[in-house]
C-alpha atoms as a PDB file:
ATOM      1  CA  MET A   1       4.944   1.911   5.683  1.00  0.00           C
ATOM      2  CA  ARG A   2       6.285  -0.643   8.136  1.00  0.00           C
ATOM      3  CA  HIS A   3       2.934  -0.589   9.916  1.00  0.00           C
ATOM      4  CA  LEU A   4       1.203  -1.265   6.578  1.00  0.00           C
ATOM      5  CA  ILE A   5       3.375  -4.341   6.069  1.00  0.00           C
ATOM      6  CA  SER A   6       2.512  -5.712   9.496  1.00  0.00           C
ATOM      7  CA  LEU A   7      -1.167  -4.969   8.890  1.00  0.00           C
ATOM      8  CA  PHE A   8      -1.258  -7.293   5.886  1.00  0.00           C
ATOM      9  CA  CYS A   9       0.553 -10.237   7.429  1.00  0.00           C
ATOM     10  CA  ILE A  10      -2.280 -11.712   8.502  1.00  0.00           C
ATOM     11  CA  LEU A  11      -4.196 -14.947   9.226  1.00  0.00           C
ATOM     12  CA  ILE A  12      -7.138 -14.296  11.047  1.00  0.00           C
ATOM     13  CA  PHE A  13     -10.136 -15.591  13.008  1.00  0.00           C
ATOM     14  CA  ILE A  14     -11.627 -15.232  16.647  1.00  0.00           C
ATOM     15  CA  ALA A  15     -11.515 -13.973  20.279  1.00  0.00           C
ATOM     16  CA  THR A  16      -8.807 -12.957  22.702  1.00  0.00           C
ATOM     17  CA  ALA A  17      -6.117 -15.355  23.932  1.00  0.00           C
ATOM     18  CA  ASN A  18      -5.735 -15.596  27.693  1.00  0.00           C
ATOM     19  CA  ALA A  19      -2.342 -15.805  29.361  1.00  0.00           C
ATOM     20  CA  GLN A  20      -1.530 -19.478  29.817  1.00  0.00           C
ATOM     21  CA  ASP A  21       1.364 -21.804  30.475  1.00  0.00           C
ATOM     22  CA  PHE A  22       2.673 -23.351  27.263  1.00  0.00           C
ATOM     23  CA  LYS A  23       5.036 -26.259  26.816  1.00  0.00           C
ATOM     24  CA  LEU A  24       7.075 -27.086  23.742  1.00  0.00           C
ATOM     25  CA  LEU A  25       5.646 -29.889  21.614  1.00  0.00           C
ATOM     26  CA  SER A  26       8.216 -32.551  20.813  1.00  0.00           C
ATOM     27  CA  ASN A  27       5.839 -33.937  18.160  1.00  0.00           C
ATOM     28  CA  SER A  28       3.933 -31.227  16.299  1.00  0.00           C
ATOM     29  CA  ALA A  29       2.151 -33.570  13.860  1.00  0.00           C
ATOM     30  CA  VAL A  30      -1.237 -33.552  15.622  1.00  0.00           C
ATOM     31  CA  ALA A  31      -1.335 -29.767  16.025  1.00  0.00           C
ATOM     32  CA  LYS A  32      -0.218 -29.162  12.456  1.00  0.00           C
ATOM     33  CA  ALA A  33      -2.740 -31.643  11.037  1.00  0.00           C
ATOM     34  CA  SER A  34      -5.614 -30.075  12.973  1.00  0.00           C
ATOM     35  CA  ILE A  35      -4.811 -26.538  11.837  1.00  0.00           C
ATOM     36  CA  GLU A  36      -4.090 -27.622   8.269  1.00  0.00           C
ATOM     37  CA  LYS A  37      -7.395 -29.503   8.016  1.00  0.00           C
ATOM     38  CA  LYS A  38      -9.325 -26.416   9.139  1.00  0.00           C
ATOM     39  CA  HIS A  39      -7.586 -24.177   6.615  1.00  0.00           C
ATOM     40  CA  LYS A  40      -8.232 -26.584   3.755  1.00  0.00           C
ATOM     41  CA  SER A  41     -11.943 -26.741   4.570  1.00  0.00           C
ATOM     42  CA  THR A  42     -12.289 -22.935   4.774  1.00  0.00           C
ATOM     43  CA  THR A  43     -13.462 -21.320   1.533  1.00  0.00           C
ATOM     44  CA  THR A  44     -14.638 -18.012   2.999  1.00  0.00           C
ATOM     45  CA  LEU A  45     -14.162 -16.175   6.272  1.00  0.00           C
ATOM     46  CA  MET A  46     -15.643 -13.046   7.844  1.00  0.00           C
ATOM     47  CA  ALA A  47     -14.536 -11.604  11.198  1.00  0.00           C
ATOM     48  CA  ASP A  48     -14.408  -8.449  13.265  1.00  0.00           C
ATOM     49  CA  PHE A  49     -11.035  -7.598  14.759  1.00  0.00           C
ATOM     50  CA  ASN A  50      -9.403  -5.426  17.395  1.00  0.00           C
ATOM     51  CA  GLU A  51      -5.891  -4.094  16.893  1.00  0.00           C
ATOM     52  CA  VAL A  52      -3.532  -2.885  19.633  1.00  0.00           C
ATOM     53  CA  VAL A  53      -0.200  -1.248  18.757  1.00  0.00           C
ATOM     54  CA  GLU A  54       2.439  -1.024  21.484  1.00  0.00           C
ATOM     55  CA  SER A  55       5.487   1.103  20.744  1.00  0.00           C
ATOM     56  CA  THR A  56       7.998   3.363  22.435  1.00  0.00           C
ATOM     57  CA  MET A  57       6.681   6.051  20.068  1.00  0.00           C
ATOM     58  CA  PHE A  58       3.396   6.094  22.003  1.00  0.00           C
ATOM     59  CA  LYS A  59       2.824   6.853  25.660  1.00  0.00           C
ATOM     60  CA  ASN A  60      -0.120   4.447  25.703  1.00  0.00           C
ATOM     61  CA  PRO A  61      -1.125   1.508  23.479  1.00  0.00           C
ATOM     62  CA  GLN A  62      -3.031   2.568  20.373  1.00  0.00           C
ATOM     63  CA  SER A  63      -6.276   0.672  19.751  1.00  0.00           C
ATOM     64  CA  SER A  64      -8.535   0.369  16.710  1.00  0.00           C
ATOM     65  CA  LYS A  65     -11.037  -2.048  15.211  1.00  0.00           C
ATOM     66  CA  GLY A  66     -12.171  -3.307  11.852  1.00  0.00           C
ATOM     67  CA  LYS A  67     -13.544  -6.066   9.630  1.00  0.00           C
ATOM     68  CA  LEU A  68     -11.947  -8.817   7.545  1.00  0.00           C
ATOM     69  CA  HIS A  69     -13.380 -10.724   4.575  1.00  0.00           C
ATOM     70  CA  TYR A  70     -11.519 -13.548   2.833  1.00  0.00           C
ATOM     71  CA  LYS A  71     -12.514 -15.719  -0.114  1.00  0.00           C
ATOM     72  CA  SER A  72     -10.403 -18.593  -1.348  1.00  0.00           C
ATOM     73  CA  SER A  73      -8.012 -18.424  -2.873  1.00  0.00           C
ATOM     74  CA  ASP A  74      -6.956 -14.867  -3.708  1.00  0.00           C
ATOM     75  CA  LYS A  75      -9.492 -12.337  -2.404  1.00  0.00           C
ATOM     76  CA  ILE A  76      -9.101 -10.214   0.750  1.00  0.00           C
ATOM     77  CA  ARG A  77     -10.944  -7.180   2.101  1.00  0.00           C
ATOM     78  CA  TRP A  78      -9.265  -5.563   5.127  1.00  0.00           C
ATOM     79  CA  GLU A  79     -11.085  -2.585   6.627  1.00  0.00           C
ATOM     80  CA  ASN A  80      -9.868  -0.650   9.649  1.00  0.00           C
ATOM     81  CA  THR A  81     -12.973   1.325  10.550  1.00  0.00           C
ATOM     82  CA  ASP A  82     -11.269   3.569  13.114  1.00  0.00           C
ATOM     83  CA  SER A  83      -8.366   4.667  10.901  1.00  0.00           C
ATOM     84  CA  LYS A  84     -10.659   4.734   7.851  1.00  0.00           C
ATOM     85  CA  GLN A  85      -8.288   2.550   5.854  1.00  0.00           C
ATOM     86  CA  LEU A  86      -9.603  -0.017   3.380  1.00  0.00           C
ATOM     87  CA  ILE A  87      -7.508  -2.433   1.321  1.00  0.00           C
ATOM     88  CA  LEU A  88      -8.865  -4.721  -1.397  1.00  0.00           C
ATOM     89  CA  LEU A  89      -6.961  -7.623  -2.948  1.00  0.00           C
ATOM     90  CA  ASN A  90      -8.593  -9.433  -5.847  1.00  0.00           C
ATOM     91  CA  GLY A  91      -6.170 -11.704  -7.650  1.00  0.00           C
ATOM     92  CA  SER A  92      -3.410  -9.466  -9.012  1.00  0.00           C
ATOM     93  CA  LYS A  93      -5.480  -6.302  -8.487  1.00  0.00           C
ATOM     94  CA  VAL A  94      -4.817  -4.072  -5.475  1.00  0.00           C
ATOM     95  CA  LYS A  95      -6.907  -1.094  -4.327  1.00  0.00           C
ATOM     96  CA  MET A  96      -6.437   1.056  -1.237  1.00  0.00           C
ATOM     97  CA  ARG A  97      -8.404   3.923   0.270  1.00  0.00           C
ATOM     98  CA  GLU A  98      -7.604   6.169   3.243  1.00  0.00           C
ATOM     99  CA  ASN A  99      -9.918   8.788   4.712  1.00  0.00           C
ATOM    100  CA  GLY A 100     -12.294   8.409   1.801  1.00  0.00           C
ATOM    101  CA  LYS A 101      -9.643   8.925  -0.883  1.00  0.00           C
ATOM    102  CA  GLU A 102      -8.103   6.266  -3.087  1.00  0.00           C
ATOM    103  CA  VAL A 103      -4.356   5.822  -2.667  1.00  0.00           C
ATOM    104  CA  SER A 104      -2.508   4.959  -5.842  1.00  0.00           C
ATOM    105  CA  ASN A 105       1.256   5.215  -6.009  1.00  0.00           C
ATOM    106  CA  ALA A 106       3.977   2.903  -7.221  1.00  0.00           C
ATOM    107  CA  MET A 107       5.637   2.434  -3.815  1.00  0.00           C
ATOM    108  CA  THR A 108       2.448   1.452  -1.983  1.00  0.00           C
ATOM    109  CA  ASN A 109       1.323  -0.920  -4.738  1.00  0.00           C
ATOM    110  CA  LYS A 110       4.764  -2.512  -4.899  1.00  0.00           C
ATOM    111  CA  ILE A 111       4.810  -3.225  -1.168  1.00  0.00           C
ATOM    112  CA  VAL A 112       1.252  -4.561  -1.145  1.00  0.00           C
ATOM    113  CA  LYS A 113       1.936  -6.869  -4.083  1.00  0.00           C
ATOM    114  CA  LYS A 114       5.129  -8.164  -2.488  1.00  0.00           C
ATOM    115  CA  ILE A 115       3.333  -9.230   0.653  1.00  0.00           C
ATOM    116  CA  GLN A 116       0.185 -10.458  -1.136  1.00  0.00           C
ATOM    117  CA  SER A 117       1.563 -13.963  -1.582  1.00  0.00           C
ATOM    118  CA  MET A 118       2.480 -14.142   2.117  1.00  0.00           C
ATOM    119  CA  MET A 119      -0.983 -12.929   3.162  1.00  0.00           C
ATOM    120  CA  LEU A 120      -2.700 -15.538   1.050  1.00  0.00           C
ATOM    121  CA  SER A 121      -0.286 -18.201   2.250  1.00  0.00           C
ATOM    122  CA  MET A 122      -1.236 -17.489   5.846  1.00  0.00           C
ATOM    123  CA  LEU A 123      -4.969 -17.390   5.157  1.00  0.00           C
ATOM    124  CA  SER A 124      -4.882 -20.611   3.153  1.00  0.00           C
ATOM    125  CA  GLY A 125      -2.599 -22.416   5.603  1.00  0.00           C
ATOM    126  CA  ASP A 126       0.274 -22.743   3.138  1.00  0.00           C
ATOM    127  CA  PHE A 127       2.564 -21.158   5.752  1.00  0.00           C
ATOM    128  CA  LEU A 128       2.555 -24.524   7.530  1.00  0.00           C
ATOM    129  CA  SER A 129       4.922 -25.855   4.875  1.00  0.00           C
ATOM    130  CA  GLU A 130       7.623 -23.700   6.559  1.00  0.00           C
ATOM    131  CA  LYS A 131       8.869 -22.375   3.236  1.00  0.00           C
ATOM    132  CA  GLU A 132       8.872 -18.779   4.478  1.00  0.00           C
ATOM    133  CA  PHE A 133       8.928 -19.305   8.252  1.00  0.00           C
ATOM    134  CA  LYS A 134      10.525 -21.598  10.775  1.00  0.00           C
ATOM    135  CA  ILE A 135       7.718 -22.748  13.093  1.00  0.00           C
ATOM    136  CA  SER A 136       7.947 -23.811  16.742  1.00  0.00           C
ATOM    137  CA  TYR A 137       4.873 -25.487  18.262  1.00  0.00           C
ATOM    138  CA  TYR A 138       3.676 -25.169  21.872  1.00  0.00           C
ATOM    139  CA  GLU A 139       0.497 -26.160  23.693  1.00  0.00           C
ATOM    140  CA  SER A 140      -1.550 -25.396  26.775  1.00  0.00           C
ATOM    141  CA  SER A 141      -4.709 -27.115  27.961  1.00  0.00           C
ATOM    142  CA  SER A 142      -6.874 -25.222  25.460  1.00  0.00           C
ATOM    143  CA  GLN A 143      -4.584 -23.691  22.835  1.00  0.00           C
ATOM    144  CA  TYR A 144      -1.776 -24.305  20.402  1.00  0.00           C
ATOM    145  CA  LYS A 145       0.839 -21.574  20.147  1.00  0.00           C
ATOM    146  CA  LEU A 146       2.883 -21.299  16.965  1.00  0.00           C
ATOM    147  CA  ILE A 147       5.943 -19.039  16.850  1.00  0.00           C
ATOM    148  CA  LEU A 148       6.866 -18.100  13.279  1.00  0.00           C
ATOM    149  CA  THR A 149      10.379 -16.801  12.590  1.00  0.00           C
ATOM    150  CA  PRO A 150      11.080 -15.410   9.077  1.00  0.00           C
ATOM    151  CA  LYS A 151      13.676 -17.267   7.039  1.00  0.00           C
ATOM    152  CA  ASN A 152      14.141 -14.430   4.563  1.00  0.00           C
ATOM    153  CA  PRO A 153      16.570 -11.772   5.910  1.00  0.00           C
ATOM    154  CA  ARG A 154      14.648  -9.025   4.106  1.00  0.00           C
ATOM    155  CA  MET A 155      11.398 -10.006   5.781  1.00  0.00           C
ATOM    156  CA  ALA A 156      13.190 -10.247   9.119  1.00  0.00           C
ATOM    157  CA  LYS A 157      13.973  -6.530   8.874  1.00  0.00           C
ATOM    158  CA  TYR A 158      10.248  -5.826   9.261  1.00  0.00           C
ATOM    159  CA  ILE A 159       9.030  -8.814  11.263  1.00  0.00           C
ATOM    160  CA  GLN A 160      11.029 -10.278  14.137  1.00  0.00           C
ATOM    161  CA  LYS A 161       8.520 -13.045  14.832  1.00  0.00           C
ATOM    162  CA  ILE A 162       4.796 -13.809  14.790  1.00  0.00           C
ATOM    163  CA  ASP A 163       2.909 -15.507  17.632  1.00  0.00           C
ATOM    164  CA  LEU A 164      -0.267 -17.371  16.632  1.00  0.00           C
ATOM    165  CA  TYR A 165      -2.682 -18.759  19.232  1.00  0.00           C
ATOM    166  CA  PHE A 166      -5.075 -21.431  17.936  1.00  0.00           C
ATOM    167  CA  ASN A 167      -8.089 -22.776  19.785  1.00  0.00           C
ATOM    168  CA  LYS A 168      -7.625 -26.539  20.140  1.00  0.00           C
ATOM    169  CA  LYS A 169     -11.327 -27.314  19.821  1.00  0.00           C
ATOM    170  CA  SER A 170     -12.143 -25.223  16.739  1.00  0.00           C
ATOM    171  CA  ALA A 171      -8.648 -25.056  15.185  1.00  0.00           C
ATOM    172  CA  LEU A 172      -9.310 -21.357  14.511  1.00  0.00           C
ATOM    173  CA  LEU A 173      -6.972 -18.576  15.522  1.00  0.00           C
ATOM    174  CA  ASP A 174      -7.680 -16.828  18.811  1.00  0.00           C
ATOM    175  CA  SER A 175      -5.120 -14.044  18.371  1.00  0.00           C
ATOM    176  CA  MET A 176      -1.945 -13.006  16.600  1.00  0.00           C
ATOM    177  CA  THR A 177       0.939 -10.823  17.767  1.00  0.00           C
ATOM    178  CA  MET A 178       3.380  -9.347  15.260  1.00  0.00           C
ATOM    179  CA  HIS A 179       6.717  -8.449  16.835  1.00  0.00           C
ATOM    180  CA  GLU A 180       8.190  -5.888  14.463  1.00  0.00           C
ATOM    181  CA  SER A 181      11.095  -5.189  16.816  1.00  0.00           C
ATOM    182  CA  ASN A 182      11.925  -5.248  20.514  1.00  0.00           C
ATOM    183  CA  GLU A 183      10.255  -1.842  20.778  1.00  0.00           C
ATOM    184  CA  GLN A 184       7.086  -2.441  18.784  1.00  0.00           C
ATOM    185  CA  LYS A 185       4.437  -5.104  18.463  1.00  0.00           C
ATOM    186  CA  VAL A 186       0.919  -5.289  17.053  1.00  0.00           C
ATOM    187  CA  THR A 187      -1.721  -7.633  18.455  1.00  0.00           C
ATOM    188  CA  TYR A 188      -4.879  -8.646  16.600  1.00  0.00           C
ATOM    189  CA  THR A 189      -7.830 -10.450  18.160  1.00  0.00           C
ATOM    190  CA  PHE A 190     -10.770 -11.718  16.120  1.00  0.00           C
ATOM    191  CA  PHE A 191     -14.425 -12.317  16.992  1.00  0.00           C
ATOM    192  CA  ASN A 192     -17.871 -12.802  15.421  1.00  0.00           C
ATOM    193  CA  THR A 193     -16.125 -15.133  12.984  1.00  0.00           C
ATOM    194  CA  VAL A 194     -18.232 -16.810  10.297  1.00  0.00           C
ATOM    195  CA  VAL A 195     -16.693 -19.518   8.115  1.00  0.00           C
ATOM    196  CA  ASN A 196     -17.888 -20.794   4.723  1.00  0.00           C
ATOM    197  CA  SER A 197     -20.816 -18.428   4.247  1.00  0.00           C
ATOM    198  CA  THR A 198     -21.612 -16.742   0.929  1.00  0.00           C
ATOM    199  CA  ILE A 199     -19.582 -13.585   0.195  1.00  0.00           C
ATOM    200  CA  SER A 200     -20.250 -11.623  -2.989  1.00  0.00           C
ATOM    201  CA  ASP A 201     -17.259 -10.988  -5.250  1.00  0.00           C
ATOM    202  CA  SER A 202     -18.236  -7.296  -5.192  1.00  0.00           C
ATOM    203  CA  LYS A 203     -16.852  -7.130  -1.635  1.00  0.00           C
ATOM    204  CA  PHE A 204     -13.372  -7.393  -3.117  1.00  0.00           C
ATOM    205  CA  ASN A 205     -13.591  -4.816  -5.890  1.00  0.00           C
ATOM    206  CA  GLN A 206     -15.958  -2.142  -4.556  1.00  0.00           C
ATOM    207  CA  TYR A 207     -15.278   0.305  -1.739  1.00  0.00           C
END
């Protein structure tokens, strides 16, 4: 269930971030404005993603891949093709399927609905208001790095921090790492990203 929560915390766009030297920004206004402008102009988004889970529970990192569809302001389709898990959010409606079978139980729906507002906040850029997270801004020659620390103690039990790497030129996200604890983290990288193309509403209510 904890992995499901981390799966949904997501903002989400293109290619892998390279290791770079980052310095703390004393004035984050330019970085914030650039990222915020991009989010506000994005009405739809499609991307492929890779996921890597590192944990003391596994001898080796666990990798998988999938597809993301987003439509402003409350529609998300998250499909992990390797684990055969598909999650649909359409307004207040939530649907989930695993291994070809629909999952419908009170606990799963409750968790998904609780994190729905946070998911949409991250995809729309509302997270930049720092209502839910404290944000520290860093930069390298080609990227902005944002470190998000949860303000809510309950959320902090599941998410220690989130690292977001934005491309300076495109203002899209290169990668995201969710640190669930000192022993476990999940990294997502996104590619083949298409912004503001037509996406049928059926993508968000049909498996």
